[in-house]
C-alpha atoms as a PDB file:
ATOM      1  CA  MET A   1       0.000   0.000   0.000  1.00  0.00           C
ATOM      2  CA  SER A   2       1.302   3.448  -0.838  1.00  0.00           C
ATOM      3  CA  ARG A   3       2.422   5.840   1.874  1.00  0.00           C
ATOM      4  CA  PHE A   4      -0.300   8.291   0.835  1.00  0.00           C
ATOM      5  CA  LEU A   5      -3.039   5.712   1.412  1.00  0.00           C
ATOM      6  CA  ASN A   6      -1.635   5.005   4.872  1.00  0.00           C
ATOM      7  CA  VAL A   7      -1.737   8.734   5.663  1.00  0.00           C
ATOM      8  CA  LEU A   8      -5.282   8.918   4.286  1.00  0.00           C
ATOM      9  CA  ARG A   9      -6.313   5.987   6.477  1.00  0.00           C
ATOM     10  CA  SER A  10      -4.879   7.775   9.529  1.00  0.00           C
ATOM     11  CA  TRP A  11      -6.732  10.955   8.544  1.00  0.00           C
ATOM     12  CA  LEU A  12      -9.992   9.019   8.235  1.00  0.00           C
ATOM     13  CA  VAL A  13      -9.481   7.456  11.672  1.00  0.00           C
ATOM     14  CA  MET A  14      -8.839  10.910  13.140  1.00  0.00           C
ATOM     15  CA  THR A  15     -11.960  12.388  11.528  1.00  0.00           C
ATOM     16  CA  SER A  16     -13.934   9.371  12.729  1.00  0.00           C
ATOM     17  CA  VAL A  17     -12.845   9.921  16.330  1.00  0.00           C
ATOM     18  CA  ILE A  18     -13.626  13.645  16.107  1.00  0.00           C
ATOM     19  CA  ALA A  19     -17.072  12.838  14.685  1.00  0.00           C
ATOM     20  CA  VAL A  20     -17.775  10.520  17.642  1.00  0.00           C
ATOM     21  CA  CYS A  21     -16.885  13.351  20.026  1.00  0.00           C
ATOM     22  CA  CYS A  22     -19.204  15.746  18.160  1.00  0.00           C
ATOM     23  CA  SER A  23     -21.909  13.107  18.192  1.00  0.00           C
ATOM     24  CA  LEU A  24     -21.658  12.701  21.956  1.00  0.00           C
ATOM     25  CA  GLN A  25     -21.754  16.480  22.364  1.00  0.00           C
ATOM     26  CA  GLY A  26     -24.985  16.594  20.356  1.00  0.00           C
ATOM     27  CA  PHE A  27     -26.589  13.978  22.611  1.00  0.00           C
ATOM     28  CA  ARG A  28     -25.307  15.551  25.814  1.00  0.00           C
ATOM     29  CA  ASP A  29     -26.423  19.142  25.437  1.00  0.00           C
ATOM     30  CA  HIS A  30     -28.191  20.909  22.583  1.00  0.00           C
ATOM     31  CA  THR A  31     -26.766  24.295  23.580  1.00  0.00           C
ATOM     32  CA  PHE A  32     -23.543  23.161  21.870  1.00  0.00           C
ATOM     33  CA  LEU A  33     -25.271  23.537  18.512  1.00  0.00           C
ATOM     34  CA  TYR A  34     -26.428  27.100  18.940  1.00  0.00           C
ATOM     35  CA  GLU A  35     -23.328  28.255  20.800  1.00  0.00           C
ATOM     36  CA  LYS A  36     -20.824  26.878  18.274  1.00  0.00           C
ATOM     37  CA  ILE A  37     -22.586  26.061  15.000  1.00  0.00           C
ATOM     38  CA  TYR A  38     -25.997  27.628  14.387  1.00  0.00           C
ATOM     39  CA  ILE A  39     -25.213  30.904  16.129  1.00  0.00           C
ATOM     40  CA  SER A  40     -27.096  33.242  13.782  1.00  0.00           C
ATOM     41  CA  LYS A  41     -30.520  31.802  14.645  1.00  0.00           C
ATOM     42  CA  PRO A  42     -30.233  29.955  17.985  1.00  0.00           C
ATOM     43  CA  ASP A  43     -34.012  29.909  18.453  1.00  0.00           C
ATOM     44  CA  LEU A  44     -34.234  27.276  15.687  1.00  0.00           C
ATOM     45  CA  VAL A  45     -32.109  24.799  17.665  1.00  0.00           C
ATOM     46  CA  ASN A  46     -33.811  22.309  19.975  1.00  0.00           C
ATOM     47  CA  GLY A  47     -33.105  18.936  21.547  1.00  0.00           C
ATOM     48  CA  LEU A  48     -34.531  16.996  18.615  1.00  0.00           C
ATOM     49  CA  GLN A  49     -32.221  18.724  16.165  1.00  0.00           C
ATOM     50  CA  ALA A  50     -29.253  18.095  18.458  1.00  0.00           C
ATOM     51  CA  ARG A  51     -30.013  14.381  18.640  1.00  0.00           C
ATOM     52  CA  ALA A  52     -30.473  14.210  14.843  1.00  0.00           C
ATOM     53  CA  PHE A  53     -27.114  15.975  14.514  1.00  0.00           C
ATOM     54  CA  GLY A  54     -25.638  13.410  16.910  1.00  0.00           C
ATOM     55  CA  ILE A  55     -26.970  10.501  14.848  1.00  0.00           C
ATOM     56  CA  TRP A  56     -25.705  12.084  11.615  1.00  0.00           C
ATOM     57  CA  MET A  57     -22.229  12.544  13.108  1.00  0.00           C
ATOM     58  CA  LEU A  58     -22.248   8.996  14.490  1.00  0.00           C
ATOM     59  CA  LEU A  59     -23.184   7.569  11.087  1.00  0.00           C
ATOM     60  CA  SER A  60     -20.455   9.647   9.427  1.00  0.00           C
ATOM     61  CA  SER A  61     -17.994   8.381  12.009  1.00  0.00           C
ATOM     62  CA  VAL A  62     -18.875   4.748  11.341  1.00  0.00           C
ATOM     63  CA  VAL A  63     -18.575   5.200   7.578  1.00  0.00           C
ATOM     64  CA  CYS A  64     -15.191   6.957   7.934  1.00  0.00           C
ATOM     65  CA  GLY A  65     -13.890   4.337  10.317  1.00  0.00           C
ATOM     66  CA  LEU A  66     -14.970   1.464   8.081  1.00  0.00           C
ATOM     67  CA  CYS A  67     -13.367   3.114   5.062  1.00  0.00           C
ATOM     68  CA  ALA A  68     -10.116   3.489   7.013  1.00  0.00           C
ATOM     69  CA  ILE A  69     -10.221  -0.222   7.825  1.00  0.00           C
ATOM     70  CA  ASP A  70     -11.060  -1.351   4.270  1.00  0.00           C
ATOM     71  CA  ILE A  71      -9.768   1.457   2.067  1.00  0.00           C
ATOM     72  CA  HIS A  72      -9.749  -0.796  -1.010  1.00  0.00           C
ATOM     73  CA  ASN A  73     -13.526  -1.294  -0.894  1.00  0.00           C
ATOM     74  CA  LYS A  74     -14.552   1.014  -3.761  1.00  0.00           C
ATOM     75  CA  THR A  75     -18.215   1.249  -2.772  1.00  0.00           C
ATOM     76  CA  LEU A  76     -17.365   2.197   0.799  1.00  0.00           C
ATOM     77  CA  TYR A  77     -14.703   4.599  -0.460  1.00  0.00           C
ATOM     78  CA  TYR A  78     -17.203   6.440  -2.675  1.00  0.00           C
ATOM     79  CA  ILE A  79     -19.818   6.531   0.094  1.00  0.00           C
ATOM     80  CA  THR A  80     -17.250   8.046   2.464  1.00  0.00           C
ATOM     81  CA  LEU A  81     -16.267  10.632  -0.141  1.00  0.00           C
ATOM     82  CA  LEU A  82     -19.941  11.440  -0.629  1.00  0.00           C
ATOM     83  CA  THR A  83     -20.422  12.010   3.123  1.00  0.00           C
ATOM     84  CA  PHE A  84     -17.749  14.713   3.001  1.00  0.00           C
ATOM     85  CA  PHE A  85     -19.469  16.354   0.018  1.00  0.00           C
ATOM     86  CA  ILE A  86     -22.787  16.249   1.905  1.00  0.00           C
ATOM     87  CA  ALA A  87     -21.216  17.796   5.014  1.00  0.00           C
ATOM     88  CA  MET A  88     -19.601  20.537   2.952  1.00  0.00           C
ATOM     89  CA  GLY A  89     -22.848  21.180   1.086  1.00  0.00           C
ATOM     90  CA  HIS A  90     -24.757  21.417   4.358  1.00  0.00           C
ATOM     91  CA  ILE A  91     -22.314  23.958   5.765  1.00  0.00           C
ATOM     92  CA  VAL A  92     -22.198  26.050   2.580  1.00  0.00           C
ATOM     93  CA  PHE A  93     -25.992  26.157   2.264  1.00  0.00           C
ATOM     94  CA  GLU A  94     -26.588  26.973   5.936  1.00  0.00           C
ATOM     95  CA  LEU A  95     -23.865  29.627   5.845  1.00  0.00           C
ATOM     96  CA  PHE A  96     -24.583  31.395   2.549  1.00  0.00           C
ATOM     97  CA  VAL A  97     -28.136  30.505   1.545  1.00  0.00           C
ATOM     98  CA  PHE A  98     -30.113  30.172   4.780  1.00  0.00           C
ATOM     99  CA  GLY A  99     -27.896  32.348   6.997  1.00  0.00           C
ATOM    100  CA  ILE A 100     -28.230  30.096  10.051  1.00  0.00           C
ATOM    101  CA  MET A 101     -24.470  29.763  10.496  1.00  0.00           C
ATOM    102  CA  ALA A 102     -21.856  32.481  10.798  1.00  0.00           C
ATOM    103  CA  PRO A 103     -18.229  32.195   9.646  1.00  0.00           C
ATOM    104  CA  THR A 104     -16.730  31.382  13.041  1.00  0.00           C
ATOM    105  CA  ILE A 105     -14.114  28.825  14.036  1.00  0.00           C
ATOM    106  CA  GLY A 106     -16.970  26.400  14.784  1.00  0.00           C
ATOM    107  CA  ILE A 107     -17.841  26.472  11.072  1.00  0.00           C
ATOM    108  CA  ILE A 108     -14.464  27.095   9.456  1.00  0.00           C
ATOM    109  CA  ALA A 109     -12.935  24.023  11.157  1.00  0.00           C
ATOM    110  CA  PRO A 110     -15.445  21.436   9.841  1.00  0.00           C
ATOM    111  CA  LEU A 111     -15.455  23.147   6.444  1.00  0.00           C
ATOM    112  CA  THR A 112     -11.665  22.828   6.335  1.00  0.00           C
ATOM    113  CA  VAL A 113     -11.789  19.182   7.432  1.00  0.00           C
ATOM    114  CA  ALA A 114     -14.391  18.388   4.755  1.00  0.00           C
ATOM    115  CA  SER A 115     -12.344  20.194   2.088  1.00  0.00           C
ATOM    116  CA  ILE A 116      -9.088  18.466   3.015  1.00  0.00           C
ATOM    117  CA  SER A 117     -10.887  15.123   3.195  1.00  0.00           C
ATOM    118  CA  ILE A 118     -12.445  15.558  -0.239  1.00  0.00           C
ATOM    119  CA  LEU A 119      -9.123  16.569  -1.756  1.00  0.00           C
ATOM    120  CA  GLY A 120      -7.289  13.726  -0.014  1.00  0.00           C
ATOM    121  CA  MET A 121      -9.829  11.133  -1.054  1.00  0.00           C
ATOM    122  CA  LEU A 122      -9.801  12.320  -4.677  1.00  0.00           C
ATOM    123  CA  VAL A 123      -6.010  12.020  -4.720  1.00  0.00           C
ATOM    124  CA  GLY A 124      -6.397   8.659  -2.964  1.00  0.00           C
ATOM    125  CA  LEU A 125      -8.502   7.401  -5.876  1.00  0.00           C
ATOM    126  CA  TRP A 126      -5.530   7.957  -8.157  1.00  0.00           C
ATOM    127  CA  HIS A 127      -3.273   6.040  -5.743  1.00  0.00           C
ATOM    128  CA  LEU A 128      -5.767   3.184  -5.496  1.00  0.00           C
ATOM    129  CA  LYS A 129      -5.894   2.845  -9.279  1.00  0.00           C
ATOM    130  CA  ALA A 130      -2.094   2.966  -9.518  1.00  0.00           C
ATOM    131  CA  GLU A 131      -1.543   0.064  -7.102  1.00  0.00           C
ATOM    132  CA  PRO A 132      -0.326  -3.170  -8.688  1.00  0.00           C
ATOM    133  CA  GLY A 133      -3.027  -5.227  -6.930  1.00  0.00           C
ATOM    134  CA  SER A 134      -5.742  -3.053  -8.454  1.00  0.00           C
ATOM    135  CA  ARG A 135      -4.514  -3.757 -11.984  1.00  0.00           C
ATOM    136  CA  GLN A 136      -4.486  -7.509 -11.399  1.00  0.00           C
ATOM    137  CA  LYS A 137      -8.068  -7.463 -10.136  1.00  0.00           C
ATOM    138  CA  LYS A 138      -9.188  -5.619 -13.282  1.00  0.00           C
ATOM    139  CA  ARG A 139      -7.643  -8.253 -15.566  1.00  0.00           C
ATOM    140  CA  ASN A 140      -9.319 -11.194 -13.813  1.00  0.00           C
END
């Protein structure tokens, strides 16, 4: 396995662990969401939304973690990449279209993580295709 794919796997594990922490925060206290994320319209945040956020982050964490374990599984790889696009789309729409988020560190950090993850996973696709094992599987 290439060095880049090993780094990407480590990155995915790290984002998975961070997502678990965010998930737990969403279950623990919904004030986290309006103090750090949806600060422009805190009256729209309630316990139900916080728990839904927690489930979403937990699902993202599981997908990331599984992709880190089996990075050669193309279907799982594409699903993981898609989760980062969905997260980025959510942030961009809430920030610029709906105005519920404000450009604070609580938004810039996950936007940066999603951007780096998307870029890394797109480069990782090239590395996966360039591996000798991948070519042999295509011939069979």
